Amino acid sequence: MPKAYVVAEINVTNPDGYADYRPLSTASLEQYGGSFLVRGGQREQKEGEDEQHNAGWRTVITEFPSMEQAKKWYDSVEYTKARAIRQQHSIGRLLIVEGM
């Protein structure tokens, strides 16, 4: 069964409010078998004209055992609470993609 990856590009608009997101999202991720591959860090855009790659944006990539498990995490009660905090205190985009 192919693994799945959650890719998020996030710009935190309220760091104080966003601080509550991190422990909730991490706990929910682990509960559903996910693990961080990329969590922020330096990034350098090489191609494209996307405003989201300006300063202040961060990339987060997590790995799940399967697409089904990644979807269960995203729709879970645990992550729904965290997601509401993230959406209130940041802007961005998130997608789930099946890997090899």
N, C-alpha and C. Protein backbone atom coordinates (compact mmCIF):
# COMPACT_ATOMS: atom_id res chain seq x y z
N MET A 1 0.84 -1.17 0.00
CA MET A 1 0.00 0.00 0.00
C MET A 1 0.89 1.24 0.00
N PRO A 2 0.65 2.19 -0.91
CA PRO A 2 1.49 3.40 -0.97
C PRO A 2 1.31 4.29 0.25
N LYS A 3 2.37 4.94 0.62
CA LYS A 3 2.31 5.92 1.70
C LYS A 3 1.59 7.17 1.19
N ALA A 4 1.26 8.06 2.11
CA ALA A 4 0.64 9.33 1.76
C ALA A 4 1.39 10.44 2.48
N TYR A 5 1.37 11.61 1.85
CA TYR A 5 2.08 12.76 2.39
C TYR A 5 1.12 13.94 2.48
N VAL A 6 1.16 14.62 3.61
CA VAL A 6 0.41 15.84 3.78
C VAL A 6 1.41 16.97 3.60
N VAL A 7 1.13 17.85 2.65
CA VAL A 7 2.01 18.97 2.35
C VAL A 7 1.25 20.24 2.68
N ALA A 8 1.82 21.06 3.54
CA ALA A 8 1.18 22.31 3.93
C ALA A 8 2.15 23.46 3.73
N GLU A 9 1.63 24.55 3.20
CA GLU A 9 2.37 25.80 3.12
C GLU A 9 1.58 26.81 3.94
N ILE A 10 2.21 27.31 4.98
CA ILE A 10 1.51 28.09 6.00
C ILE A 10 2.24 29.41 6.25
N ASN A 11 1.46 30.47 6.39
CA ASN A 11 1.97 31.76 6.83
C ASN A 11 1.22 32.10 8.10
N VAL A 12 1.92 32.10 9.22
CA VAL A 12 1.30 32.38 10.51
C VAL A 12 1.04 33.88 10.62
N THR A 13 -0.21 34.23 10.85
CA THR A 13 -0.59 35.65 10.97
C THR A 13 -0.71 36.11 12.41
N ASN A 14 -0.85 35.16 13.34
CA ASN A 14 -0.92 35.47 14.77
C ASN A 14 -0.13 34.42 15.53
N PRO A 15 1.16 34.66 15.73
CA PRO A 15 2.02 33.66 16.39
C PRO A 15 1.54 33.26 17.78
N ASP A 16 1.02 34.19 18.55
CA ASP A 16 0.56 33.85 19.91
C ASP A 16 -0.60 32.86 19.86
N GLY A 17 -1.56 33.10 19.01
CA GLY A 17 -2.70 32.20 18.87
C GLY A 17 -2.31 30.88 18.25
N TYR A 18 -1.38 30.92 17.32
CA TYR A 18 -0.93 29.72 16.62
C TYR A 18 -0.19 28.76 17.54
N ALA A 19 0.40 29.28 18.59
CA ALA A 19 1.17 28.45 19.52
C ALA A 19 0.34 27.30 20.09
N ASP A 20 -0.96 27.49 20.22
CA ASP A 20 -1.83 26.43 20.73
C ASP A 20 -2.01 25.30 19.71
N TYR A 21 -1.75 25.58 18.45
CA TYR A 21 -1.92 24.58 17.39
C TYR A 21 -0.86 23.49 17.46
N ARG A 22 0.37 23.86 17.69
CA ARG A 22 1.49 22.92 17.58
C ARG A 22 1.34 21.67 18.45
N PRO A 23 1.10 21.79 19.75
CA PRO A 23 1.01 20.55 20.55
C PRO A 23 -0.19 19.69 20.17
N LEU A 24 -1.30 20.32 19.81
CA LEU A 24 -2.48 19.54 19.41
C LEU A 24 -2.24 18.80 18.10
N SER A 25 -1.64 19.49 17.14
CA SER A 25 -1.41 18.84 15.84
C SER A 25 -0.39 17.72 15.95
N THR A 26 0.65 17.93 16.73
CA THR A 26 1.68 16.91 16.90
C THR A 26 1.10 15.66 17.56
N ALA A 27 0.32 15.84 18.61
CA ALA A 27 -0.28 14.70 19.30
C ALA A 27 -1.23 13.94 18.38
N SER A 28 -2.03 14.68 17.60
CA SER A 28 -2.98 14.01 16.70
C SER A 28 -2.24 13.27 15.58
N LEU A 29 -1.19 13.87 15.08
CA LEU A 29 -0.40 13.25 14.02
C LEU A 29 0.16 11.91 14.48
N GLU A 30 0.75 11.89 15.64
CA GLU A 30 1.33 10.66 16.17
C GLU A 30 0.26 9.60 16.42
N GLN A 31 -0.91 10.04 16.89
CA GLN A 31 -2.00 9.11 17.17
C GLN A 31 -2.47 8.37 15.91
N TYR A 32 -2.34 9.02 14.75
CA TYR A 32 -2.79 8.42 13.49
C TYR A 32 -1.65 7.88 12.63
N GLY A 33 -0.49 7.71 13.24
CA GLY A 33 0.63 7.07 12.55
C GLY A 33 1.44 7.98 11.66
N GLY A 34 1.27 9.29 11.81
CA GLY A 34 2.02 10.24 10.99
C GLY A 34 3.34 10.63 11.62
N SER A 35 4.24 11.11 10.79
CA SER A 35 5.52 11.61 11.28
C SER A 35 5.97 12.77 10.40
N PHE A 36 6.69 13.70 11.02
CA PHE A 36 7.18 14.87 10.28
C PHE A 36 8.40 14.50 9.45
N LEU A 37 8.41 14.94 8.21
CA LEU A 37 9.59 14.85 7.35
C LEU A 37 10.24 16.22 7.21
N VAL A 38 9.40 17.24 7.11
CA VAL A 38 9.85 18.64 7.01
C VAL A 38 8.95 19.45 7.92
N ARG A 39 9.56 20.28 8.74
CA ARG A 39 8.76 21.12 9.64
C ARG A 39 9.39 22.49 9.70
N GLY A 40 9.01 23.32 8.73
CA GLY A 40 9.61 24.64 8.66
C GLY A 40 10.97 24.54 8.02
N GLY A 41 11.91 25.25 8.55
CA GLY A 41 13.27 25.20 8.01
C GLY A 41 13.45 26.13 6.83
N GLN A 42 14.67 26.29 6.45
CA GLN A 42 15.02 27.17 5.35
C GLN A 42 14.47 26.62 4.04
N ARG A 43 13.98 27.51 3.19
CA ARG A 43 13.49 27.09 1.88
C ARG A 43 13.97 28.09 0.85
N GLU A 44 14.17 27.60 -0.34
CA GLU A 44 14.65 28.43 -1.44
C GLU A 44 13.86 28.07 -2.68
N GLN A 45 13.04 29.00 -3.14
CA GLN A 45 12.23 28.75 -4.32
C GLN A 45 13.09 28.87 -5.57
N LYS A 46 13.01 27.89 -6.44
CA LYS A 46 13.81 27.88 -7.66
C LYS A 46 12.99 28.19 -8.91
N GLU A 47 11.71 27.88 -8.89
CA GLU A 47 10.87 28.10 -10.06
C GLU A 47 9.49 28.56 -9.63
N GLY A 48 8.80 29.23 -10.53
CA GLY A 48 7.42 29.62 -10.29
C GLY A 48 7.28 31.02 -9.74
N GLU A 49 6.08 31.53 -9.88
CA GLU A 49 5.74 32.87 -9.42
C GLU A 49 4.60 32.75 -8.42
N ASP A 50 4.88 32.27 -7.26
CA ASP A 50 3.84 32.02 -6.28
C ASP A 50 4.10 32.90 -5.06
N GLU A 51 3.15 33.78 -4.74
CA GLU A 51 3.30 34.67 -3.59
C GLU A 51 3.53 33.90 -2.29
N GLN A 52 3.03 32.67 -2.22
CA GLN A 52 3.17 31.92 -0.98
C GLN A 52 4.61 31.55 -0.68
N HIS A 53 5.49 31.77 -1.61
CA HIS A 53 6.89 31.44 -1.36
C HIS A 53 7.69 32.65 -0.90
N ASN A 54 6.99 33.72 -0.55
CA ASN A 54 7.67 34.88 -0.01
C ASN A 54 8.04 34.62 1.45
N ALA A 55 8.84 35.53 1.99
CA ALA A 55 9.29 35.39 3.38
C ALA A 55 8.09 35.23 4.31
N GLY A 56 8.27 34.44 5.34
CA GLY A 56 7.22 34.23 6.32
C GLY A 56 6.45 32.94 6.11
N TRP A 57 6.54 32.37 4.93
CA TRP A 57 5.84 31.11 4.66
C TRP A 57 6.72 29.96 5.09
N ARG A 58 6.10 28.91 5.61
CA ARG A 58 6.82 27.71 6.00
C ARG A 58 6.18 26.50 5.35
N THR A 59 6.99 25.50 5.10
CA THR A 59 6.51 24.26 4.50
C THR A 59 6.59 23.15 5.54
N VAL A 60 5.52 22.36 5.62
CA VAL A 60 5.48 21.21 6.52
C VAL A 60 5.06 20.01 5.68
N ILE A 61 5.83 18.92 5.78
CA ILE A 61 5.49 17.68 5.08
C ILE A 61 5.46 16.57 6.12
N THR A 62 4.35 15.85 6.14
CA THR A 62 4.22 14.72 7.05
C THR A 62 3.94 13.46 6.25
N GLU A 63 4.34 12.34 6.79
CA GLU A 63 4.17 11.06 6.12
C GLU A 63 3.21 10.18 6.92
N PHE A 64 2.32 9.51 6.22
CA PHE A 64 1.39 8.55 6.81
C PHE A 64 1.54 7.21 6.12
N PRO A 65 1.17 6.13 6.80
CA PRO A 65 1.29 4.80 6.20
C PRO A 65 0.45 4.61 4.95
N SER A 66 -0.64 5.38 4.82
CA SER A 66 -1.53 5.23 3.67
C SER A 66 -2.37 6.49 3.48
N MET A 67 -2.99 6.61 2.31
CA MET A 67 -3.90 7.71 2.03
C MET A 67 -5.08 7.66 3.00
N GLU A 68 -5.56 6.46 3.22
CA GLU A 68 -6.70 6.28 4.14
C GLU A 68 -6.37 6.80 5.53
N GLN A 69 -5.18 6.49 6.03
CA GLN A 69 -4.79 6.93 7.36
C GLN A 69 -4.61 8.44 7.41
N ALA A 70 -4.06 9.04 6.36
CA ALA A 70 -3.91 10.50 6.32
C ALA A 70 -5.27 11.19 6.34
N LYS A 71 -6.23 10.64 5.61
CA LYS A 71 -7.58 11.22 5.61
C LYS A 71 -8.25 11.06 6.96
N LYS A 72 -8.05 9.90 7.60
CA LYS A 72 -8.61 9.70 8.95
C LYS A 72 -8.05 10.75 9.91
N TRP A 73 -6.75 11.01 9.82
CA TRP A 73 -6.14 12.03 10.67
C TRP A 73 -6.77 13.39 10.39
N TYR A 74 -6.83 13.78 9.13
CA TYR A 74 -7.33 15.11 8.79
C TYR A 74 -8.77 15.32 9.28
N ASP A 75 -9.59 14.29 9.18
CA ASP A 75 -11.00 14.38 9.56
C ASP A 75 -11.25 14.02 11.03
N SER A 76 -10.21 13.67 11.76
CA SER A 76 -10.38 13.22 13.15
C SER A 76 -10.83 14.36 14.07
N VAL A 77 -11.46 13.97 15.15
CA VAL A 77 -11.88 14.94 16.17
C VAL A 77 -10.65 15.68 16.70
N GLU A 78 -9.57 14.94 16.90
CA GLU A 78 -8.35 15.54 17.46
C GLU A 78 -7.77 16.61 16.53
N TYR A 79 -7.68 16.31 15.25
CA TYR A 79 -7.10 17.30 14.36
C TYR A 79 -8.09 18.40 14.00
N THR A 80 -9.37 18.11 14.02
CA THR A 80 -10.37 19.14 13.72
C THR A 80 -10.22 20.31 14.69
N LYS A 81 -9.98 20.00 15.94
CA LYS A 81 -9.78 21.06 16.94
C LYS A 81 -8.51 21.86 16.62
N ALA A 82 -7.44 21.17 16.30
CA ALA A 82 -6.18 21.84 15.95
C ALA A 82 -6.34 22.64 14.67
N ARG A 83 -7.01 22.06 13.68
CA ARG A 83 -7.20 22.73 12.38
C ARG A 83 -7.92 24.05 12.55
N ALA A 84 -8.92 24.10 13.40
CA ALA A 84 -9.67 25.35 13.63
C ALA A 84 -8.74 26.45 14.15
N ILE A 85 -7.82 26.07 15.03
CA ILE A 85 -6.85 27.05 15.56
C ILE A 85 -5.93 27.50 14.44
N ARG A 86 -5.42 26.54 13.66
CA ARG A 86 -4.51 26.90 12.55
C ARG A 86 -5.19 27.85 11.57
N GLN A 87 -6.41 27.55 11.21
CA GLN A 87 -7.11 28.37 10.22
C GLN A 87 -7.43 29.76 10.76
N GLN A 88 -7.62 29.88 12.06
CA GLN A 88 -7.91 31.17 12.65
C GLN A 88 -6.68 32.06 12.72
N HIS A 89 -5.50 31.46 12.84
CA HIS A 89 -4.28 32.22 13.10
C HIS A 89 -3.24 32.13 11.99
N SER A 90 -3.65 31.66 10.81
CA SER A 90 -2.72 31.57 9.69
C SER A 90 -3.50 31.53 8.37
N ILE A 91 -2.77 31.67 7.29
CA ILE A 91 -3.33 31.43 5.96
C ILE A 91 -2.44 30.41 5.28
N GLY A 92 -2.98 29.70 4.32
CA GLY A 92 -2.15 28.72 3.65
C GLY A 92 -2.96 27.73 2.84
N ARG A 93 -2.28 26.67 2.49
CA ARG A 93 -2.92 25.59 1.74
C ARG A 93 -2.34 24.27 2.23
N LEU A 94 -3.16 23.23 2.09
CA LEU A 94 -2.79 21.90 2.56
C LEU A 94 -3.34 20.88 1.59
N LEU A 95 -2.53 19.87 1.27
CA LEU A 95 -3.02 18.81 0.39
C LEU A 95 -2.47 17.48 0.86
N ILE A 96 -3.19 16.44 0.48
CA ILE A 96 -2.76 15.07 0.76
C ILE A 96 -2.47 14.41 -0.58
N VAL A 97 -1.29 13.84 -0.70
CA VAL A 97 -0.88 13.23 -1.97
C VAL A 97 -0.37 11.81 -1.70
N GLU A 98 -0.76 10.90 -2.55
CA GLU A 98 -0.32 9.51 -2.43
C GLU A 98 1.09 9.40 -2.98
N GLY A 99 1.93 8.65 -2.28
CA GLY A 99 3.31 8.46 -2.69
C GLY A 99 3.54 7.07 -3.26
N MET A 100 4.80 6.71 -3.30
CA MET A 100 5.19 5.43 -3.83
C MET A 100 5.53 4.46 -2.73
